[in-house]
All heavy atoms as atom14 arrays in JSON, in Angstrom:
{
  "sequence": "FSINTMGWYRQAPGKERELVATTTSGGSTNYADSVKGRFTISRDNAKN",
  "atom14_mask": [
    [1, 1, 1, 1, 1, 1, 1, 1, 1, 1, 1, 0, 0, 0],
    [1, 1, 1, 1, 1, 1, 0, 0, 0, 0, 0, 0, 0, 0],
    [1, 1, 1, 1, 1, 1, 1, 1, 0, 0, 0, 0, 0, 0],
    [1, 1, 1, 1, 1, 1, 1, 1, 0, 0, 0, 0, 0, 0],
    [1, 1, 1, 1, 1, 1, 1, 0, 0, 0, 0, 0, 0, 0],
    [1, 1, 1, 1, 1, 1, 1, 1, 0, 0, 0, 0, 0, 0],
    [1, 1, 1, 1, 0, 0, 0, 0, 0, 0, 0, 0, 0, 0],
    [1, 1, 1, 1, 1, 1, 1, 1, 1, 1, 1, 1, 1, 1],
    [1, 1, 1, 1, 1, 1, 1, 1, 1, 1, 1, 1, 0, 0],
    [1, 1, 1, 1, 1, 1, 1, 1, 1, 1, 1, 0, 0, 0],
    [1, 1, 1, 1, 1, 1, 1, 1, 1, 0, 0, 0, 0, 0],
    [1, 1, 1, 1, 1, 0, 0, 0, 0, 0, 0, 0, 0, 0],
    [1, 1, 1, 1, 1, 1, 1, 0, 0, 0, 0, 0, 0, 0],
    [1, 1, 1, 1, 0, 0, 0, 0, 0, 0, 0, 0, 0, 0],
    [1, 1, 1, 1, 1, 1, 1, 1, 1, 0, 0, 0, 0, 0],
    [1, 1, 1, 1, 1, 1, 1, 1, 1, 0, 0, 0, 0, 0],
    [1, 1, 1, 1, 1, 1, 1, 1, 1, 1, 1, 0, 0, 0],
    [1, 1, 1, 1, 1, 1, 1, 1, 1, 0, 0, 0, 0, 0],
    [1, 1, 1, 1, 1, 1, 1, 1, 0, 0, 0, 0, 0, 0],
    [1, 1, 1, 1, 1, 1, 1, 0, 0, 0, 0, 0, 0, 0],
    [1, 1, 1, 1, 1, 0, 0, 0, 0, 0, 0, 0, 0, 0],
    [1, 1, 1, 1, 1, 1, 1, 0, 0, 0, 0, 0, 0, 0],
    [1, 1, 1, 1, 1, 1, 1, 0, 0, 0, 0, 0, 0, 0],
    [1, 1, 1, 1, 1, 1, 1, 0, 0, 0, 0, 0, 0, 0],
    [1, 1, 1, 1, 1, 1, 0, 0, 0, 0, 0, 0, 0, 0],
    [1, 1, 1, 1, 0, 0, 0, 0, 0, 0, 0, 0, 0, 0],
    [1, 1, 1, 1, 0, 0, 0, 0, 0, 0, 0, 0, 0, 0],
    [1, 1, 1, 1, 1, 1, 0, 0, 0, 0, 0, 0, 0, 0],
    [1, 1, 1, 1, 1, 1, 1, 0, 0, 0, 0, 0, 0, 0],
    [1, 1, 1, 1, 1, 1, 1, 1, 0, 0, 0, 0, 0, 0],
    [1, 1, 1, 1, 1, 1, 1, 1, 1, 1, 1, 1, 0, 0],
    [1, 1, 1, 1, 1, 0, 0, 0, 0, 0, 0, 0, 0, 0],
    [1, 1, 1, 1, 1, 1, 1, 1, 0, 0, 0, 0, 0, 0],
    [1, 1, 1, 1, 1, 1, 0, 0, 0, 0, 0, 0, 0, 0],
    [1, 1, 1, 1, 1, 1, 1, 0, 0, 0, 0, 0, 0, 0],
    [1, 1, 1, 1, 1, 1, 1, 1, 1, 0, 0, 0, 0, 0],
    [1, 1, 1, 1, 0, 0, 0, 0, 0, 0, 0, 0, 0, 0],
    [1, 1, 1, 1, 1, 1, 1, 1, 1, 1, 1, 0, 0, 0],
    [1, 1, 1, 1, 1, 1, 1, 1, 1, 1, 1, 0, 0, 0],
    [1, 1, 1, 1, 1, 1, 1, 0, 0, 0, 0, 0, 0, 0],
    [1, 1, 1, 1, 1, 1, 1, 1, 0, 0, 0, 0, 0, 0],
    [1, 1, 1, 1, 1, 1, 0, 0, 0, 0, 0, 0, 0, 0],
    [1, 1, 1, 1, 1, 1, 1, 1, 1, 1, 1, 0, 0, 0],
    [1, 1, 1, 1, 1, 1, 1, 1, 0, 0, 0, 0, 0, 0],
    [1, 1, 1, 1, 1, 1, 1, 1, 0, 0, 0, 0, 0, 0],
    [1, 1, 1, 1, 1, 0, 0, 0, 0, 0, 0, 0, 0, 0],
    [1, 1, 1, 1, 1, 1, 1, 1, 1, 0, 0, 0, 0, 0],
    [1, 1, 1, 1, 1, 1, 1, 1, 0, 0, 0, 0, 0, 0]
  ],
  "atom14_positions": [
    [[108.97, 89.52, 97.64], [109.32, 88.7, 96.51], [110.3, 89.48, 95.6], [111.39, 88.91, 95.21], [108.1, 88.31, 95.66], [108.41, 87.52, 94.46], [108.8, 86.23, 94.61], [108.29, 88.13, 93.21], [109.12, 85.47, 93.36], [108.59, 87.42, 91.99], [109.04, 86.03, 92.1], [0.0, 0.0, 0.0], [0.0, 0.0, 0.0], [0.0, 0.0, 0.0]],
    [[110.03, 90.64, 95.27], [110.87, 91.47, 94.53], [110.71, 92.93, 94.76], [109.56, 93.38, 95.14], [110.75, 91.17, 92.99], [109.43, 91.55, 92.58], [0.0, 0.0, 0.0], [0.0, 0.0, 0.0], [0.0, 0.0, 0.0], [0.0, 0.0, 0.0], [0.0, 0.0, 0.0], [0.0, 0.0, 0.0], [0.0, 0.0, 0.0], [0.0, 0.0, 0.0]],
    [[111.75, 93.72, 94.61], [111.64, 95.15, 94.66], [111.98, 95.78, 93.41], [113.0, 95.53, 92.77], [112.6, 95.67, 95.81], [112.24, 95.15, 97.2], [112.59, 97.2, 95.88], [113.18, 95.53, 98.31], [0.0, 0.0, 0.0], [0.0, 0.0, 0.0], [0.0, 0.0, 0.0], [0.0, 0.0, 0.0], [0.0, 0.0, 0.0], [0.0, 0.0, 0.0]],
    [[111.11, 96.69, 92.91], [111.4, 97.35, 91.72], [112.09, 98.71, 92.04], [113.33, 98.8, 92.08], [110.11, 97.59, 90.93], [110.3, 98.33, 89.61], [109.5, 99.13, 89.24], [111.35, 98.08, 88.98], [0.0, 0.0, 0.0], [0.0, 0.0, 0.0], [0.0, 0.0, 0.0], [0.0, 0.0, 0.0], [0.0, 0.0, 0.0], [0.0, 0.0, 0.0]],
    [[111.31, 99.7, 92.24], [111.89, 101.08, 92.55], [111.98, 101.33, 94.0], [111.02, 101.04, 94.7], [110.99, 102.16, 91.87], [110.9, 101.84, 90.44], [111.55, 103.52, 92.08], [0.0, 0.0, 0.0], [0.0, 0.0, 0.0], [0.0, 0.0, 0.0], [0.0, 0.0, 0.0], [0.0, 0.0, 0.0], [0.0, 0.0, 0.0], [0.0, 0.0, 0.0]],
    [[113.06, 101.91, 94.41], [113.29, 102.46, 95.7], [113.59, 103.97, 95.55], [114.17, 104.33, 94.66], [114.34, 101.71, 96.46], [114.21, 100.16, 96.51], [115.52, 99.43, 97.54], [114.91, 99.72, 99.22], [0.0, 0.0, 0.0], [0.0, 0.0, 0.0], [0.0, 0.0, 0.0], [0.0, 0.0, 0.0], [0.0, 0.0, 0.0], [0.0, 0.0, 0.0]],
    [[113.06, 104.67, 96.5], [113.28, 106.08, 96.34], [112.9, 106.89, 97.56], [112.59, 106.39, 98.63], [0.0, 0.0, 0.0], [0.0, 0.0, 0.0], [0.0, 0.0, 0.0], [0.0, 0.0, 0.0], [0.0, 0.0, 0.0], [0.0, 0.0, 0.0], [0.0, 0.0, 0.0], [0.0, 0.0, 0.0], [0.0, 0.0, 0.0], [0.0, 0.0, 0.0]],
    [[113.12, 108.16, 97.42], [112.94, 109.14, 98.46], [112.07, 110.31, 97.94], [112.29, 110.83, 96.85], [114.24, 109.75, 98.99], [115.11, 108.67, 99.76], [116.05, 107.93, 99.15], [115.03, 108.39, 101.14], [116.59, 107.07, 100.15], [116.04, 107.36, 101.34], [114.24, 108.9, 102.15], [116.28, 106.8, 102.6], [114.49, 108.25, 103.47], [115.46, 107.35, 103.66]],
    [[111.12, 110.65, 98.8], [110.31, 111.84, 98.54], [110.4, 112.75, 99.79], [110.84, 112.34, 100.83], [108.83, 111.42, 98.35], [108.61, 110.58, 97.04], [109.08, 109.28, 97.04], [107.96, 111.18, 95.95], [108.83, 108.53, 95.86], [107.68, 110.43, 94.82], [108.21, 109.09, 94.77], [107.98, 108.38, 93.61], [0.0, 0.0, 0.0], [0.0, 0.0, 0.0]],
    [[110.07, 114.01, 99.58], [110.1, 114.95, 100.71], [108.85, 115.86, 100.67], [108.29, 116.13, 99.63], [111.42, 115.68, 100.73], [111.58, 116.64, 99.62], [112.89, 117.34, 99.61], [113.15, 118.29, 98.64], [114.27, 118.94, 98.33], [115.33, 118.62, 99.05], [114.42, 119.81, 97.43], [0.0, 0.0, 0.0], [0.0, 0.0, 0.0], [0.0, 0.0, 0.0]],
    [[108.62, 116.39, 101.83], [107.53, 117.29, 101.88], [107.91, 118.44, 102.88], [108.17, 118.21, 104.1], [106.24, 116.66, 102.47], [104.94, 117.58, 102.37], [103.75, 116.86, 102.6], [103.67, 115.67, 103.07], [102.59, 117.47, 102.24], [0.0, 0.0, 0.0], [0.0, 0.0, 0.0], [0.0, 0.0, 0.0], [0.0, 0.0, 0.0], [0.0, 0.0, 0.0]],
    [[108.11, 119.55, 102.34], [108.42, 120.79, 103.09], [107.17, 121.37, 103.65], [106.06, 121.21, 103.2], [109.18, 121.74, 102.23], [0.0, 0.0, 0.0], [0.0, 0.0, 0.0], [0.0, 0.0, 0.0], [0.0, 0.0, 0.0], [0.0, 0.0, 0.0], [0.0, 0.0, 0.0], [0.0, 0.0, 0.0], [0.0, 0.0, 0.0], [0.0, 0.0, 0.0]],
    [[107.4, 122.15, 104.81], [106.23, 122.8, 105.36], [105.46, 123.7, 104.33], [105.97, 124.43, 103.69], [106.81, 123.74, 106.46], [108.09, 123.0, 106.83], [108.63, 122.46, 105.54], [0.0, 0.0, 0.0], [0.0, 0.0, 0.0], [0.0, 0.0, 0.0], [0.0, 0.0, 0.0], [0.0, 0.0, 0.0], [0.0, 0.0, 0.0], [0.0, 0.0, 0.0]],
    [[104.13, 123.46, 104.24], [103.27, 124.2, 103.38], [103.4, 123.8, 101.91], [102.82, 124.56, 101.02], [0.0, 0.0, 0.0], [0.0, 0.0, 0.0], [0.0, 0.0, 0.0], [0.0, 0.0, 0.0], [0.0, 0.0, 0.0], [0.0, 0.0, 0.0], [0.0, 0.0, 0.0], [0.0, 0.0, 0.0], [0.0, 0.0, 0.0], [0.0, 0.0, 0.0]],
    [[104.09, 122.72, 101.59], [104.36, 122.35, 100.22], [103.84, 120.99, 100.01], [103.68, 120.12, 101.02], [105.79, 122.49, 99.75], [106.28, 123.86, 99.89], [107.76, 123.97, 99.37], [107.84, 123.66, 97.89], [109.23, 123.76, 97.41], [0.0, 0.0, 0.0], [0.0, 0.0, 0.0], [0.0, 0.0, 0.0], [0.0, 0.0, 0.0], [0.0, 0.0, 0.0]],
    [[103.63, 120.6, 98.76], [103.2, 119.23, 98.44], [104.44, 118.23, 98.46], [105.61, 118.73, 98.26], [102.61, 119.23, 97.03], [101.45, 120.14, 96.85], [100.17, 119.41, 96.51], [100.24, 118.36, 95.85], [99.1, 119.98, 96.8], [0.0, 0.0, 0.0], [0.0, 0.0, 0.0], [0.0, 0.0, 0.0], [0.0, 0.0, 0.0], [0.0, 0.0, 0.0]],
    [[104.15, 116.99, 98.66], [105.19, 116.0, 98.56], [105.82, 115.9, 97.18], [105.01, 115.92, 96.17], [104.72, 114.68, 99.03], [105.81, 113.59, 99.16], [105.18, 112.33, 99.68], [104.6, 112.49, 101.06], [104.21, 111.43, 101.78], [104.31, 110.21, 101.39], [103.67, 111.68, 103.02], [0.0, 0.0, 0.0], [0.0, 0.0, 0.0], [0.0, 0.0, 0.0]],
    [[107.15, 115.83, 97.11], [107.82, 115.81, 95.77], [108.82, 114.71, 95.72], [109.35, 114.36, 96.82], [108.4, 117.14, 95.48], [109.51, 117.55, 96.5], [110.27, 118.82, 96.06], [109.96, 119.4, 94.97], [111.11, 119.33, 96.85], [0.0, 0.0, 0.0], [0.0, 0.0, 0.0], [0.0, 0.0, 0.0], [0.0, 0.0, 0.0], [0.0, 0.0, 0.0]],
    [[109.01, 114.22, 94.53], [110.06, 113.32, 94.35], [111.42, 113.88, 94.53], [111.66, 114.97, 94.07], [109.99, 112.66, 92.94], [110.91, 111.51, 92.64], [110.25, 110.55, 91.64], [112.16, 112.14, 91.93], [0.0, 0.0, 0.0], [0.0, 0.0, 0.0], [0.0, 0.0, 0.0], [0.0, 0.0, 0.0], [0.0, 0.0, 0.0], [0.0, 0.0, 0.0]],
    [[112.29, 113.16, 95.18], [113.65, 113.55, 95.42], [114.59, 112.8, 94.53], [115.34, 113.32, 93.71], [114.14, 113.48, 96.87], [115.62, 113.86, 97.0], [113.3, 114.33, 97.82], [0.0, 0.0, 0.0], [0.0, 0.0, 0.0], [0.0, 0.0, 0.0], [0.0, 0.0, 0.0], [0.0, 0.0, 0.0], [0.0, 0.0, 0.0], [0.0, 0.0, 0.0]],
    [[114.56, 111.44, 94.68], [115.35, 110.54, 93.91], [114.8, 109.18, 93.96], [114.23, 108.76, 94.9], [116.87, 110.54, 94.46], [0.0, 0.0, 0.0], [0.0, 0.0, 0.0], [0.0, 0.0, 0.0], [0.0, 0.0, 0.0], [0.0, 0.0, 0.0], [0.0, 0.0, 0.0], [0.0, 0.0, 0.0], [0.0, 0.0, 0.0], [0.0, 0.0, 0.0]],
    [[115.01, 108.43, 92.86], [114.59, 107.06, 92.82], [115.74, 106.3, 92.08], [116.5, 106.76, 91.4], [113.27, 106.78, 92.0], [113.5, 107.34, 90.62], [112.11, 107.55, 92.61], [0.0, 0.0, 0.0], [0.0, 0.0, 0.0], [0.0, 0.0, 0.0], [0.0, 0.0, 0.0], [0.0, 0.0, 0.0], [0.0, 0.0, 0.0], [0.0, 0.0, 0.0]],
    [[115.7, 104.93, 92.43], [116.52, 103.98, 91.75], [115.81, 102.71, 91.51], [115.03, 102.2, 92.34], [117.83, 103.75, 92.65], [118.67, 102.82, 91.91], [117.48, 103.27, 94.01], [0.0, 0.0, 0.0], [0.0, 0.0, 0.0], [0.0, 0.0, 0.0], [0.0, 0.0, 0.0], [0.0, 0.0, 0.0], [0.0, 0.0, 0.0], [0.0, 0.0, 0.0]],
    [[116.05, 102.15, 90.32], [115.35, 100.92, 89.96], [116.26, 99.72, 90.24], [117.35, 99.84, 90.67], [115.12, 100.91, 88.42], [116.32, 100.84, 87.66], [114.37, 102.16, 87.91], [0.0, 0.0, 0.0], [0.0, 0.0, 0.0], [0.0, 0.0, 0.0], [0.0, 0.0, 0.0], [0.0, 0.0, 0.0], [0.0, 0.0, 0.0], [0.0, 0.0, 0.0]],
    [[115.7, 98.55, 90.13], [116.41, 97.34, 90.41], [117.55, 97.2, 89.56], [118.57, 96.47, 89.8], [115.45, 96.15, 90.38], [114.9, 96.03, 89.06], [0.0, 0.0, 0.0], [0.0, 0.0, 0.0], [0.0, 0.0, 0.0], [0.0, 0.0, 0.0], [0.0, 0.0, 0.0], [0.0, 0.0, 0.0], [0.0, 0.0, 0.0], [0.0, 0.0, 0.0]],
    [[117.51, 97.75, 88.35], [118.6, 97.74, 87.35], [119.68, 98.74, 87.59], [120.6, 98.77, 86.84], [0.0, 0.0, 0.0], [0.0, 0.0, 0.0], [0.0, 0.0, 0.0], [0.0, 0.0, 0.0], [0.0, 0.0, 0.0], [0.0, 0.0, 0.0], [0.0, 0.0, 0.0], [0.0, 0.0, 0.0], [0.0, 0.0, 0.0], [0.0, 0.0, 0.0]],
    [[119.45, 99.64, 88.54], [120.44, 100.63, 88.84], [120.27, 101.97, 88.34], [121.05, 102.89, 88.52], [0.0, 0.0, 0.0], [0.0, 0.0, 0.0], [0.0, 0.0, 0.0], [0.0, 0.0, 0.0], [0.0, 0.0, 0.0], [0.0, 0.0, 0.0], [0.0, 0.0, 0.0], [0.0, 0.0, 0.0], [0.0, 0.0, 0.0], [0.0, 0.0, 0.0]],
    [[119.18, 102.18, 87.47], [118.95, 103.47, 86.92], [118.51, 104.45, 88.0], [117.81, 104.05, 88.97], [117.84, 103.41, 85.9], [118.24, 102.61, 84.76], [0.0, 0.0, 0.0], [0.0, 0.0, 0.0], [0.0, 0.0, 0.0], [0.0, 0.0, 0.0], [0.0, 0.0, 0.0], [0.0, 0.0, 0.0], [0.0, 0.0, 0.0], [0.0, 0.0, 0.0]],
    [[118.92, 105.71, 87.91], [118.49, 106.69, 88.91], [117.89, 107.87, 88.29], [117.98, 108.19, 87.11], [119.77, 107.2, 89.67], [120.73, 107.67, 88.72], [120.38, 105.98, 90.36], [0.0, 0.0, 0.0], [0.0, 0.0, 0.0], [0.0, 0.0, 0.0], [0.0, 0.0, 0.0], [0.0, 0.0, 0.0], [0.0, 0.0, 0.0], [0.0, 0.0, 0.0]],
    [[117.09, 108.48, 89.12], [116.42, 109.8, 88.73], [116.39, 110.68, 89.85], [116.12, 110.34, 90.97], [114.94, 109.38, 88.23], [114.22, 110.61, 87.73], [114.73, 111.38, 86.89], [112.95, 110.76, 88.25], [0.0, 0.0, 0.0], [0.0, 0.0, 0.0], [0.0, 0.0, 0.0], [0.0, 0.0, 0.0], [0.0, 0.0, 0.0], [0.0, 0.0, 0.0]],
    [[116.65, 111.98, 89.58], [116.77, 112.98, 90.5], [115.92, 114.15, 90.23], [115.78, 114.56, 88.97], [118.26, 113.49, 90.71], [119.19, 112.34, 91.23], [119.88, 111.62, 90.33], [119.36, 112.26, 92.59], [120.81, 110.64, 90.79], [120.18, 111.22, 93.0], [120.98, 110.53, 92.15], [121.85, 109.57, 92.63], [0.0, 0.0, 0.0], [0.0, 0.0, 0.0]],
    [[115.39, 114.82, 91.2], [114.76, 116.07, 91.04], [115.92, 117.1, 90.68], [117.01, 117.07, 91.1], [114.1, 116.57, 92.31], [0.0, 0.0, 0.0], [0.0, 0.0, 0.0], [0.0, 0.0, 0.0], [0.0, 0.0, 0.0], [0.0, 0.0, 0.0], [0.0, 0.0, 0.0], [0.0, 0.0, 0.0], [0.0, 0.0, 0.0], [0.0, 0.0, 0.0]],
    [[115.42, 118.03, 89.8], [116.43, 119.06, 89.35], [117.08, 119.72, 90.52], [118.27, 120.16, 90.5], [115.82, 120.01, 88.42], [115.44, 119.45, 87.03], [116.09, 118.41, 86.68], [114.66, 120.03, 86.42], [0.0, 0.0, 0.0], [0.0, 0.0, 0.0], [0.0, 0.0, 0.0], [0.0, 0.0, 0.0], [0.0, 0.0, 0.0], [0.0, 0.0, 0.0]],
    [[116.37, 119.95, 91.59], [116.84, 120.74, 92.69], [117.88, 120.14, 93.5], [118.64, 120.77, 94.29], [115.66, 121.17, 93.68], [114.95, 119.96, 94.12], [0.0, 0.0, 0.0], [0.0, 0.0, 0.0], [0.0, 0.0, 0.0], [0.0, 0.0, 0.0], [0.0, 0.0, 0.0], [0.0, 0.0, 0.0], [0.0, 0.0, 0.0], [0.0, 0.0, 0.0]],
    [[118.06, 118.78, 93.31], [119.04, 118.09, 94.13], [120.15, 117.46, 93.26], [121.14, 116.88, 93.81], [118.37, 117.02, 94.96], [117.34, 117.57, 95.79], [117.94, 115.87, 94.2], [0.0, 0.0, 0.0], [0.0, 0.0, 0.0], [0.0, 0.0, 0.0], [0.0, 0.0, 0.0], [0.0, 0.0, 0.0], [0.0, 0.0, 0.0], [0.0, 0.0, 0.0]],
    [[120.08, 117.63, 91.95], [121.08, 117.03, 91.14], [122.47, 117.54, 91.4], [122.64, 118.78, 91.56], [120.71, 117.31, 89.63], [119.61, 116.42, 89.09], [119.33, 116.74, 87.59], [118.19, 115.83, 87.12], [117.89, 116.13, 85.67], [0.0, 0.0, 0.0], [0.0, 0.0, 0.0], [0.0, 0.0, 0.0], [0.0, 0.0, 0.0], [0.0, 0.0, 0.0]],
    [[123.43, 116.64, 91.48], [124.79, 117.13, 91.83], [125.08, 117.21, 93.28], [126.24, 117.33, 93.68], [0.0, 0.0, 0.0], [0.0, 0.0, 0.0], [0.0, 0.0, 0.0], [0.0, 0.0, 0.0], [0.0, 0.0, 0.0], [0.0, 0.0, 0.0], [0.0, 0.0, 0.0], [0.0, 0.0, 0.0], [0.0, 0.0, 0.0], [0.0, 0.0, 0.0]],
    [[124.04, 117.14, 94.15], [124.27, 117.28, 95.48], [123.8, 116.1, 96.29], [124.46, 115.66, 97.31], [123.46, 118.44, 96.06], [123.9, 119.78, 95.49], [123.16, 120.92, 96.21], [121.68, 120.94, 96.07], [120.81, 120.73, 97.06], [121.39, 120.65, 98.39], [119.5, 120.72, 96.99], [0.0, 0.0, 0.0], [0.0, 0.0, 0.0], [0.0, 0.0, 0.0]],
    [[122.81, 115.33, 95.72], [122.33, 114.14, 96.42], [122.68, 112.88, 95.55], [122.73, 113.03, 94.31], [120.76, 114.13, 96.55], [120.29, 115.19, 97.56], [121.02, 116.14, 98.14], [118.92, 115.13, 97.99], [120.59, 117.03, 99.1], [118.42, 116.04, 98.86], [119.28, 117.03, 99.43], [0.0, 0.0, 0.0], [0.0, 0.0, 0.0], [0.0, 0.0, 0.0]],
    [[122.87, 111.83, 96.26], [123.19, 110.56, 95.59], [122.32, 109.44, 96.19], [122.4, 109.23, 97.42], [124.67, 110.23, 95.6], [125.48, 111.29, 95.09], [124.95, 108.92, 94.82], [0.0, 0.0, 0.0], [0.0, 0.0, 0.0], [0.0, 0.0, 0.0], [0.0, 0.0, 0.0], [0.0, 0.0, 0.0], [0.0, 0.0, 0.0], [0.0, 0.0, 0.0]],
    [[121.6, 108.76, 95.37], [120.79, 107.61, 95.83], [121.56, 106.32, 95.52], [122.21, 106.22, 94.48], [119.37, 107.71, 95.27], [118.54, 106.58, 95.9], [119.33, 107.45, 93.76], [117.03, 106.66, 95.66], [0.0, 0.0, 0.0], [0.0, 0.0, 0.0], [0.0, 0.0, 0.0], [0.0, 0.0, 0.0], [0.0, 0.0, 0.0], [0.0, 0.0, 0.0]],
    [[121.52, 105.36, 96.4], [122.13, 104.17, 96.14], [121.33, 103.05, 96.9], [120.51, 103.38, 97.76], [123.56, 104.11, 96.6], [123.67, 104.35, 98.02], [0.0, 0.0, 0.0], [0.0, 0.0, 0.0], [0.0, 0.0, 0.0], [0.0, 0.0, 0.0], [0.0, 0.0, 0.0], [0.0, 0.0, 0.0], [0.0, 0.0, 0.0], [0.0, 0.0, 0.0]],
    [[121.61, 101.81, 96.55], [120.93, 100.68, 97.21], [121.89, 99.51, 97.48], [122.77, 99.26, 96.77], [119.62, 100.31, 96.38], [120.08, 99.75, 95.01], [118.85, 99.74, 94.11], [117.88, 98.72, 94.5], [116.59, 98.67, 94.07], [116.16, 99.5, 93.18], [115.83, 97.61, 94.42], [0.0, 0.0, 0.0], [0.0, 0.0, 0.0], [0.0, 0.0, 0.0]],
    [[121.51, 98.78, 98.53], [122.2, 97.59, 98.92], [121.14, 96.45, 98.77], [120.32, 96.32, 99.73], [122.83, 97.63, 100.32], [123.56, 96.38, 100.63], [123.33, 95.32, 100.01], [124.47, 96.53, 101.45], [0.0, 0.0, 0.0], [0.0, 0.0, 0.0], [0.0, 0.0, 0.0], [0.0, 0.0, 0.0], [0.0, 0.0, 0.0], [0.0, 0.0, 0.0]],
    [[121.11, 95.83, 97.67], [120.07, 94.81, 97.46], [120.08, 93.65, 98.47], [118.99, 93.07, 98.83], [120.18, 94.21, 96.05], [119.76, 95.34, 94.99], [118.88, 96.14, 95.2], [120.39, 95.3, 93.87], [0.0, 0.0, 0.0], [0.0, 0.0, 0.0], [0.0, 0.0, 0.0], [0.0, 0.0, 0.0], [0.0, 0.0, 0.0], [0.0, 0.0, 0.0]],
    [[121.22, 93.32, 98.89], [121.33, 92.22, 99.86], [120.76, 92.52, 101.19], [120.23, 91.68, 101.88], [122.79, 91.84, 100.09], [0.0, 0.0, 0.0], [0.0, 0.0, 0.0], [0.0, 0.0, 0.0], [0.0, 0.0, 0.0], [0.0, 0.0, 0.0], [0.0, 0.0, 0.0], [0.0, 0.0, 0.0], [0.0, 0.0, 0.0], [0.0, 0.0, 0.0]],
    [[120.63, 93.89, 101.52], [120.08, 94.29, 102.7], [118.7, 94.96, 102.54], [118.12, 95.45, 103.52], [121.04, 95.27, 103.41], [122.38, 94.72, 103.83], [123.22, 95.79, 104.58], [124.53, 95.18, 104.91], [125.46, 96.21, 105.57], [0.0, 0.0, 0.0], [0.0, 0.0, 0.0], [0.0, 0.0, 0.0], [0.0, 0.0, 0.0], [0.0, 0.0, 0.0]],
    [[118.25, 95.01, 101.28], [116.94, 95.65, 101.03], [116.96, 97.05, 101.61], [115.96, 97.5, 102.14], [115.79, 94.85, 101.58], [115.49, 93.61, 100.72], [115.96, 93.51, 99.56], [114.72, 92.71, 101.29], [0.0, 0.0, 0.0], [0.0, 0.0, 0.0], [0.0, 0.0, 0.0], [0.0, 0.0, 0.0], [0.0, 0.0, 0.0], [0.0, 0.0, 0.0]]
  ]
}
């Protein structure tokens, strides 16, 4: 029906799962400090 947040998380060996980046339906983005400037999240709403 609708999608709010889409995002990526990661889990390294021996570590807990952590947030990498998220994007809301309105286009707002959030990044982990460790990936800022290097990773870019985007979405194609027509293709979900």
